[in-house]
Amino acid sequence: RVTLSAQVRASGFYKAIGYTPYGEEYYDQY
């Protein structure tokens, strides 16, 4: 299992290669 922290604007890219979001959105450096 691998995890990542996706910029929300890039989450579609990660979904397209098989990643599933979990938890709530959060801010990292605004």
PDB file of all heavy atoms in Angstrom:
ATOM      1  N   ARG A   1       0.853  -1.190   0.000  1.00  0.00           N
ATOM      2  CA  ARG A   1       0.000   0.000   0.000  1.00  0.00           C
ATOM      3  C   ARG A   1       0.890   1.241   0.000  1.00  0.00           C
ATOM      4  O   ARG A   1       1.870   1.302   0.731  1.00  0.00           O
ATOM      5  CB  ARG A   1      -0.884   0.002   1.247  1.00  0.00           C
ATOM      6  CG  ARG A   1      -1.716   1.241   1.443  1.00  0.00           C
ATOM      7  CD  ARG A   1      -2.592   1.098   2.712  1.00  0.00           C
ATOM      8  NE  ARG A   1      -3.180   2.351   3.081  1.00  0.00           N
ATOM      9  CZ  ARG A   1      -2.786   3.120   4.093  1.00  0.00           C
ATOM     10  NH1 ARG A   1      -1.779   2.735   4.861  1.00  0.00           N
ATOM     11  NH2 ARG A   1      -3.393   4.252   4.365  1.00  0.00           N
ATOM     12  N   VAL A   2       0.524   2.210  -0.835  1.00  0.00           N
ATOM     13  CA  VAL A   2       1.229   3.487  -0.833  1.00  0.00           C
ATOM     14  C   VAL A   2       0.224   4.611  -0.607  1.00  0.00           C
ATOM     15  O   VAL A   2      -0.959   4.493  -0.957  1.00  0.00           O
ATOM     16  CB  VAL A   2       2.014   3.744  -2.144  1.00  0.00           C
ATOM     17  CG1 VAL A   2       3.175   2.784  -2.277  1.00  0.00           C
ATOM     18  CG2 VAL A   2       1.119   3.669  -3.355  1.00  0.00           C
ATOM     19  N   THR A   3       0.711   5.683  -0.009  1.00  0.00           N
ATOM     20  CA  THR A   3      -0.108   6.864   0.223  1.00  0.00           C
ATOM     21  C   THR A   3       0.579   8.055  -0.437  1.00  0.00           C
ATOM     22  O   THR A   3       1.748   7.995  -0.819  1.00  0.00           O
ATOM     23  CB  THR A   3      -0.276   7.146   1.729  1.00  0.00           C
ATOM     24  OG1 THR A   3       1.003   7.419   2.301  1.00  0.00           O
ATOM     25  CG2 THR A   3      -0.931   5.975   2.446  1.00  0.00           C
ATOM     26  N   LEU A   4      -0.174   9.132  -0.550  1.00  0.00           N
ATOM     27  CA  LEU A   4       0.392  10.391  -1.006  1.00  0.00           C
ATOM     28  C   LEU A   4      -0.480  11.533  -0.531  1.00  0.00           C
ATOM     29  O   LEU A   4      -1.612  11.333  -0.100  1.00  0.00           O
ATOM     30  CB  LEU A   4       0.585  10.416  -2.530  1.00  0.00           C
ATOM     31  CG  LEU A   4      -0.609  10.144  -3.444  1.00  0.00           C
ATOM     32  CD1 LEU A   4      -1.446  11.400  -3.658  1.00  0.00           C
ATOM     33  CD2 LEU A   4      -0.114   9.642  -4.787  1.00  0.00           C
ATOM     34  N   SER A   5       0.076  12.719  -0.589  1.00  0.00           N
ATOM     35  CA  SER A   5      -0.625  13.943  -0.229  1.00  0.00           C
ATOM     36  C   SER A   5      -0.742  14.763  -1.499  1.00  0.00           C
ATOM     37  O   SER A   5       0.231  15.389  -1.926  1.00  0.00           O
ATOM     38  CB  SER A   5       0.174  14.705   0.847  1.00  0.00           C
ATOM     39  OG  SER A   5      -0.439  15.939   1.126  1.00  0.00           O
ATOM     40  N   ALA A   6      -1.921  14.736  -2.112  1.00  0.00           N
ATOM     41  CA  ALA A   6      -2.099  15.368  -3.422  1.00  0.00           C
ATOM     42  C   ALA A   6      -2.605  16.793  -3.284  1.00  0.00           C
ATOM     43  O   ALA A   6      -3.502  17.067  -2.486  1.00  0.00           O
ATOM     44  CB  ALA A   6      -3.099  14.574  -4.254  1.00  0.00           C
ATOM     45  N   GLN A   7      -2.031  17.690  -4.065  1.00  0.00           N
ATOM     46  CA  GLN A   7      -2.673  18.985  -4.207  1.00  0.00           C
ATOM     47  C   GLN A   7      -4.042  18.698  -4.806  1.00  0.00           C
ATOM     48  O   GLN A   7      -4.170  17.896  -5.739  1.00  0.00           O
ATOM     49  CB  GLN A   7      -1.866  19.897  -5.121  1.00  0.00           C
ATOM     50  CG  GLN A   7      -0.530  20.313  -4.557  1.00  0.00           C
ATOM     51  CD  GLN A   7       0.232  21.243  -5.485  1.00  0.00           C
ATOM     52  OE1 GLN A   7      -0.343  21.850  -6.393  1.00  0.00           O
ATOM     53  NE2 GLN A   7       1.529  21.344  -5.267  1.00  0.00           N
ATOM     54  N   VAL A   8      -5.086  19.312  -4.268  1.00  0.00           N
ATOM     55  CA  VAL A   8      -6.444  19.022  -4.731  1.00  0.00           C
ATOM     56  C   VAL A   8      -6.556  19.214  -6.243  1.00  0.00           C
ATOM     57  O   VAL A   8      -7.179  18.407  -6.933  1.00  0.00           O
ATOM     58  CB  VAL A   8      -7.484  19.865  -3.962  1.00  0.00           C
ATOM     59  CG1 VAL A   8      -8.856  19.779  -4.603  1.00  0.00           C
ATOM     60  CG2 VAL A   8      -7.532  19.420  -2.503  1.00  0.00           C
ATOM     61  N   ARG A   9      -5.888  20.225  -6.767  1.00  0.00           N
ATOM     62  CA  ARG A   9      -5.961  20.474  -8.209  1.00  0.00           C
ATOM     63  C   ARG A   9      -5.321  19.360  -9.036  1.00  0.00           C
ATOM     64  O   ARG A   9      -5.583  19.238 -10.222  1.00  0.00           O
ATOM     65  CB  ARG A   9      -5.337  21.815  -8.554  1.00  0.00           C
ATOM     66  CG  ARG A   9      -3.851  21.881  -8.299  1.00  0.00           C
ATOM     67  CD  ARG A   9      -3.298  23.246  -8.611  1.00  0.00           C
ATOM     68  NE  ARG A   9      -1.902  23.314  -8.248  1.00  0.00           N
ATOM     69  CZ  ARG A   9      -1.217  24.416  -8.216  1.00  0.00           C
ATOM     70  NH1 ARG A   9      -1.801  25.550  -8.518  1.00  0.00           N
ATOM     71  NH2 ARG A   9       0.054  24.403  -7.885  1.00  0.00           N
ATOM     72  N   ALA A  10      -4.481  18.523  -8.413  1.00  0.00           N
ATOM     73  CA  ALA A  10      -3.842  17.406  -9.111  1.00  0.00           C
ATOM     74  C   ALA A  10      -4.474  16.063  -8.760  1.00  0.00           C
ATOM     75  O   ALA A  10      -4.043  15.029  -9.268  1.00  0.00           O
ATOM     76  CB  ALA A  10      -2.348  17.365  -8.782  1.00  0.00           C
ATOM     77  N   SER A  11      -5.504  16.064  -7.920  1.00  0.00           N
ATOM     78  CA  SER A  11      -6.073  14.790  -7.455  1.00  0.00           C
ATOM     79  C   SER A  11      -6.675  13.974  -8.596  1.00  0.00           C
ATOM     80  O   SER A  11      -6.663  12.743  -8.544  1.00  0.00           O
ATOM     81  CB  SER A  11      -7.098  15.015  -6.348  1.00  0.00           C
ATOM     82  OG  SER A  11      -8.192  15.781  -6.816  1.00  0.00           O
ATOM     83  N   GLY A  12      -7.181  14.615  -9.645  1.00  0.00           N
ATOM     84  CA  GLY A  12      -7.718  13.885 -10.796  1.00  0.00           C
ATOM     85  C   GLY A  12      -6.657  13.049 -11.486  1.00  0.00           C
ATOM     86  O   GLY A  12      -6.923  11.933 -11.944  1.00  0.00           O
ATOM     87  N   PHE A  13      -5.441  13.578 -11.558  1.00  0.00           N
ATOM     88  CA  PHE A  13      -4.316  12.823 -12.123  1.00  0.00           C
ATOM     89  C   PHE A  13      -4.095  11.549 -11.326  1.00  0.00           C
ATOM     90  O   PHE A  13      -3.953  10.458 -11.897  1.00  0.00           O
ATOM     91  CB  PHE A  13      -3.049  13.696 -12.121  1.00  0.00           C
ATOM     92  CG  PHE A  13      -1.778  12.910 -12.259  1.00  0.00           C
ATOM     93  CD1 PHE A  13      -1.394  12.374 -13.477  1.00  0.00           C
ATOM     94  CD2 PHE A  13      -0.955  12.695 -11.162  1.00  0.00           C
ATOM     95  CE1 PHE A  13      -0.224  11.644 -13.599  1.00  0.00           C
ATOM     96  CE2 PHE A  13       0.222  11.972 -11.276  1.00  0.00           C
ATOM     97  CZ  PHE A  13       0.586  11.444 -12.502  1.00  0.00           C
ATOM     98  N   TYR A  14      -4.057  11.660 -10.000  1.00  0.00           N
ATOM     99  CA  TYR A  14      -3.805  10.492  -9.160  1.00  0.00           C
ATOM    100  C   TYR A  14      -4.973   9.508  -9.201  1.00  0.00           C
ATOM    101  O   TYR A  14      -4.767   8.295  -9.215  1.00  0.00           O
ATOM    102  CB  TYR A  14      -3.482  10.922  -7.733  1.00  0.00           C
ATOM    103  CG  TYR A  14      -2.178  11.670  -7.642  1.00  0.00           C
ATOM    104  CD1 TYR A  14      -2.133  13.035  -7.406  1.00  0.00           C
ATOM    105  CD2 TYR A  14      -0.964  11.012  -7.838  1.00  0.00           C
ATOM    106  CE1 TYR A  14      -0.934  13.726  -7.345  1.00  0.00           C
ATOM    107  CE2 TYR A  14       0.245  11.687  -7.789  1.00  0.00           C
ATOM    108  CZ  TYR A  14       0.248  13.048  -7.541  1.00  0.00           C
ATOM    109  OH  TYR A  14       1.438  13.719  -7.496  1.00  0.00           O
ATOM    110  N   LYS A  15      -6.204  10.010  -9.257  1.00  0.00           N
ATOM    111  CA  LYS A  15      -7.367   9.119  -9.386  1.00  0.00           C
ATOM    112  C   LYS A  15      -7.267   8.303 -10.674  1.00  0.00           C
ATOM    113  O   LYS A  15      -7.570   7.115 -10.690  1.00  0.00           O
ATOM    114  CB  LYS A  15      -8.670   9.926  -9.381  1.00  0.00           C
ATOM    115  CG  LYS A  15      -9.072  10.441  -8.031  1.00  0.00           C
ATOM    116  CD  LYS A  15     -10.367  11.242  -8.122  1.00  0.00           C
ATOM    117  CE  LYS A  15     -10.694  11.898  -6.804  1.00  0.00           C
ATOM    118  NZ  LYS A  15     -11.883  12.768  -6.910  1.00  0.00           N
ATOM    119  N   ALA A  16      -6.806   8.946 -11.745  1.00  0.00           N
ATOM    120  CA  ALA A  16      -6.711   8.277 -13.047  1.00  0.00           C
ATOM    121  C   ALA A  16      -5.704   7.135 -13.041  1.00  0.00           C
ATOM    122  O   ALA A  16      -5.808   6.220 -13.859  1.00  0.00           O
ATOM    123  CB  ALA A  16      -6.352   9.293 -14.138  1.00  0.00           C
ATOM    124  N   ILE A  17      -4.751   7.163 -12.112  1.00  0.00           N
ATOM    125  CA  ILE A  17      -3.776   6.063 -12.050  1.00  0.00           C
ATOM    126  C   ILE A  17      -4.022   5.158 -10.840  1.00  0.00           C
ATOM    127  O   ILE A  17      -3.130   4.434 -10.419  1.00  0.00           O
ATOM    128  CB  ILE A  17      -2.319   6.570 -12.107  1.00  0.00           C
ATOM    129  CG1 ILE A  17      -1.986   7.523 -10.958  1.00  0.00           C
ATOM    130  CG2 ILE A  17      -2.029   7.211 -13.456  1.00  0.00           C
ATOM    131  CD1 ILE A  17      -0.507   7.867 -10.850  1.00  0.00           C
ATOM    132  N   GLY A  18      -5.254   5.224 -10.299  1.00  0.00           N
ATOM    133  CA  GLY A  18      -5.671   4.237  -9.316  1.00  0.00           C
ATOM    134  C   GLY A  18      -5.669   4.645  -7.859  1.00  0.00           C
ATOM    135  O   GLY A  18      -5.893   3.804  -6.988  1.00  0.00           O
ATOM    136  N   TYR A  19      -5.447   5.914  -7.553  1.00  0.00           N
ATOM    137  CA  TYR A  19      -5.451   6.363  -6.155  1.00  0.00           C
ATOM    138  C   TYR A  19      -6.851   6.760  -5.727  1.00  0.00           C
ATOM    139  O   TYR A  19      -7.634   7.278  -6.523  1.00  0.00           O
ATOM    140  CB  TYR A  19      -4.479   7.533  -5.956  1.00  0.00           C
ATOM    141  CG  TYR A  19      -3.044   7.069  -5.952  1.00  0.00           C
ATOM    142  CD1 TYR A  19      -2.371   6.836  -7.141  1.00  0.00           C
ATOM    143  CD2 TYR A  19      -2.372   6.820  -4.762  1.00  0.00           C
ATOM    144  CE1 TYR A  19      -1.062   6.379  -7.151  1.00  0.00           C
ATOM    145  CE2 TYR A  19      -1.069   6.354  -4.763  1.00  0.00           C
ATOM    146  CZ  TYR A  19      -0.422   6.137  -5.956  1.00  0.00           C
ATOM    147  OH  TYR A  19       0.860   5.676  -5.956  1.00  0.00           O
ATOM    148  N   THR A  20      -7.136   6.508  -4.452  1.00  0.00           N
ATOM    149  CA  THR A  20      -8.433   6.823  -3.867  1.00  0.00           C
ATOM    150  C   THR A  20      -8.232   7.821  -2.734  1.00  0.00           C
ATOM    151  O   THR A  20      -7.398   7.598  -1.855  1.00  0.00           O
ATOM    152  CB  THR A  20      -9.079   5.542  -3.288  1.00  0.00           C
ATOM    153  OG1 THR A  20      -9.179   4.571  -4.336  1.00  0.00           O
ATOM    154  CG2 THR A  20     -10.453   5.831  -2.725  1.00  0.00           C
ATOM    155  N   PRO A  21      -9.011   8.915  -2.736  1.00  0.00           N
ATOM    156  CA  PRO A  21      -8.877   9.873  -1.636  1.00  0.00           C
ATOM    157  C   PRO A  21      -9.467   9.329  -0.347  1.00  0.00           C
ATOM    158  O   PRO A  21     -10.381   8.502  -0.369  1.00  0.00           O
ATOM    159  CB  PRO A  21      -9.661  11.089  -2.122  1.00  0.00           C
ATOM    160  CG  PRO A  21     -10.567  10.593  -3.178  1.00  0.00           C
ATOM    161  CD  PRO A  21      -9.971   9.336  -3.738  1.00  0.00           C
ATOM    162  N   TYR A  22      -8.923   9.784   0.775  1.00  0.00           N
ATOM    163  CA  TYR A  22      -9.503   9.450   2.077  1.00  0.00           C
ATOM    164  C   TYR A  22      -9.288  10.623   3.020  1.00  0.00           C
ATOM    165  O   TYR A  22      -8.346  11.401   2.854  1.00  0.00           O
ATOM    166  CB  TYR A  22      -8.924   8.144   2.644  1.00  0.00           C
ATOM    167  CG  TYR A  22      -7.460   8.185   3.005  1.00  0.00           C
ATOM    168  CD1 TYR A  22      -7.047   8.479   4.300  1.00  0.00           C
ATOM    169  CD2 TYR A  22      -6.486   7.916   2.045  1.00  0.00           C
ATOM    170  CE1 TYR A  22      -5.695   8.506   4.632  1.00  0.00           C
ATOM    171  CE2 TYR A  22      -5.145   7.937   2.376  1.00  0.00           C
ATOM    172  CZ  TYR A  22      -4.754   8.240   3.668  1.00  0.00           C
ATOM    173  OH  TYR A  22      -3.419   8.268   3.997  1.00  0.00           O
ATOM    174  N   GLY A  23     -10.166  10.753   3.981  1.00  0.00           N
ATOM    175  CA  GLY A  23     -10.054  11.848   4.944  1.00  0.00           C
ATOM    176  C   GLY A  23     -10.554  13.163   4.369  1.00  0.00           C
ATOM    177  O   GLY A  23     -11.137  13.225   3.289  1.00  0.00           O
ATOM    178  N   GLU A  24     -10.318  14.205   5.119  1.00  0.00           N
ATOM    179  CA  GLU A  24     -10.768  15.548   4.757  1.00  0.00           C
ATOM    180  C   GLU A  24      -9.652  16.320   4.064  1.00  0.00           C
ATOM    181  O   GLU A  24      -8.473  16.052   4.280  1.00  0.00           O
ATOM    182  CB  GLU A  24     -11.188  16.309   6.028  1.00  0.00           C
ATOM    183  CG  GLU A  24     -12.313  15.647   6.809  1.00  0.00           C
ATOM    184  CD  GLU A  24     -13.615  15.622   6.039  1.00  0.00           C
ATOM    185  OE1 GLU A  24     -13.931  16.634   5.368  1.00  0.00           O
ATOM    186  OE2 GLU A  24     -14.316  14.594   6.090  1.00  0.00           O
ATOM    187  N   GLU A  25     -10.045  17.292   3.267  1.00  0.00           N
ATOM    188  CA  GLU A  25      -9.058  18.195   2.679  1.00  0.00           C
ATOM    189  C   GLU A  25      -8.375  18.981   3.786  1.00  0.00           C
ATOM    190  O   GLU A  25      -8.977  19.262   4.822  1.00  0.00           O
ATOM    191  CB  GLU A  25      -9.726  19.170   1.711  1.00  0.00           C
ATOM    192  CG  GLU A  25     -10.143  18.544   0.407  1.00  0.00           C
ATOM    193  CD  GLU A  25     -10.705  19.563  -0.580  1.00  0.00           C
ATOM    194  OE1 GLU A  25     -10.458  20.783  -0.422  1.00  0.00           O
ATOM    195  OE2 GLU A  25     -11.398  19.136  -1.507  1.00  0.00           O
ATOM    196  N   TYR A  26      -7.128  19.338   3.565  1.00  0.00           N
ATOM    197  CA  TYR A  26      -6.366  20.124   4.523  1.00  0.00           C
ATOM    198  C   TYR A  26      -5.440  21.058   3.749  1.00  0.00           C
ATOM    199  O   TYR A  26      -5.248  20.893   2.537  1.00  0.00           O
ATOM    200  CB  TYR A  26      -5.561  19.218   5.463  1.00  0.00           C
ATOM    201  CG  TYR A  26      -4.643  18.270   4.754  1.00  0.00           C
ATOM    202  CD1 TYR A  26      -3.317  18.609   4.504  1.00  0.00           C
ATOM    203  CD2 TYR A  26      -5.107  17.034   4.279  1.00  0.00           C
ATOM    204  CE1 TYR A  26      -2.478  17.743   3.821  1.00  0.00           C
ATOM    205  CE2 TYR A  26      -4.263  16.174   3.592  1.00  0.00           C
ATOM    206  CZ  TYR A  26      -2.960  16.534   3.373  1.00  0.00           C
ATOM    207  OH  TYR A  26      -2.130  15.685   2.688  1.00  0.00           O
ATOM    208  N   TYR A  27      -4.905  22.016   4.448  1.00  0.00           N
ATOM    209  CA  TYR A  27      -4.009  22.974   3.803  1.00  0.00           C
ATOM    210  C   TYR A  27      -2.562  22.691   4.181  1.00  0.00           C
ATOM    211  O   TYR A  27      -2.249  22.439   5.338  1.00  0.00           O
ATOM    212  CB  TYR A  27      -4.382  24.408   4.185  1.00  0.00           C
ATOM    213  CG  TYR A  27      -5.582  24.885   3.422  1.00  0.00           C
ATOM    214  CD1 TYR A  27      -6.867  24.545   3.836  1.00  0.00           C
ATOM    215  CD2 TYR A  27      -5.432  25.629   2.263  1.00  0.00           C
ATOM    216  CE1 TYR A  27      -7.973  24.952   3.112  1.00  0.00           C
ATOM    217  CE2 TYR A  27      -6.530  26.039   1.529  1.00  0.00           C
ATOM    218  CZ  TYR A  27      -7.802  25.697   1.958  1.00  0.00           C
ATOM    219  OH  TYR A  27      -8.897  26.091   1.236  1.00  0.00           O
ATOM    220  N   ASP A  28      -1.707  22.712   3.186  1.00  0.00           N
ATOM    221  CA  ASP A  28      -0.271  22.612   3.374  1.00  0.00           C
ATOM    222  C   ASP A  28       0.319  23.815   2.637  1.00  0.00           C
ATOM    223  O   ASP A  28       0.154  23.926   1.415  1.00  0.00           O
ATOM    224  CB  ASP A  28       0.250  21.293   2.803  1.00  0.00           C
ATOM    225  CG  ASP A  28       1.733  21.085   3.035  1.00  0.00           C
ATOM    226  OD1 ASP A  28       2.381  21.965   3.632  1.00  0.00           O
ATOM    227  OD2 ASP A  28       2.256  20.042   2.611  1.00  0.00           O
ATOM    228  N   GLN A  29       0.929  24.718   3.363  1.00  0.00           N
ATOM    229  CA  GLN A  29       1.477  25.951   2.801  1.00  0.00           C
ATOM    230  C   GLN A  29       0.432  26.694   1.961  1.00  0.00           C
ATOM    231  O   GLN A  29       0.685  27.078   0.820  1.00  0.00           O
ATOM    232  CB  GLN A  29       2.743  25.674   1.995  1.00  0.00           C
ATOM    233  CG  GLN A  29       3.870  25.121   2.848  1.00  0.00           C
ATOM    234  CD  GLN A  29       5.198  25.174   2.143  1.00  0.00           C
ATOM    235  OE1 GLN A  29       5.592  26.221   1.643  1.00  0.00           O
ATOM    236  NE2 GLN A  29       5.884  24.041   2.098  1.00  0.00           N
ATOM    237  N   TYR A  30      -0.740  26.868   2.516  1.00  0.00           N
ATOM    238  CA  TYR A  30      -1.834  27.631   1.900  1.00  0.00           C
ATOM    239  C   TYR A  30      -2.396  26.995   0.634  1.00  0.00           C
ATOM    240  O   TYR A  30      -3.080  27.655  -0.140  1.00  0.00           O
ATOM    241  CB  TYR A  30      -1.395  29.078   1.620  1.00  0.00           C
ATOM    242  CG  TYR A  30      -0.851  29.757   2.842  1.00  0.00           C
ATOM    243  CD1 TYR A  30       0.517  29.930   3.018  1.00  0.00           C
ATOM    244  CD2 TYR A  30      -1.703  30.188   3.852  1.00  0.00           C
ATOM    245  CE1 TYR A  30       1.030  30.534   4.161  1.00  0.00           C
ATOM    246  CE2 TYR A  30      -1.213  30.795   5.000  1.00  0.00           C
ATOM    247  CZ  TYR A  30       0.158  30.966   5.138  1.00  0.00           C
ATOM    248  OH  TYR A  30       0.648  31.553   6.269  1.00  0.00           O
TER     249      TYR A  30
END
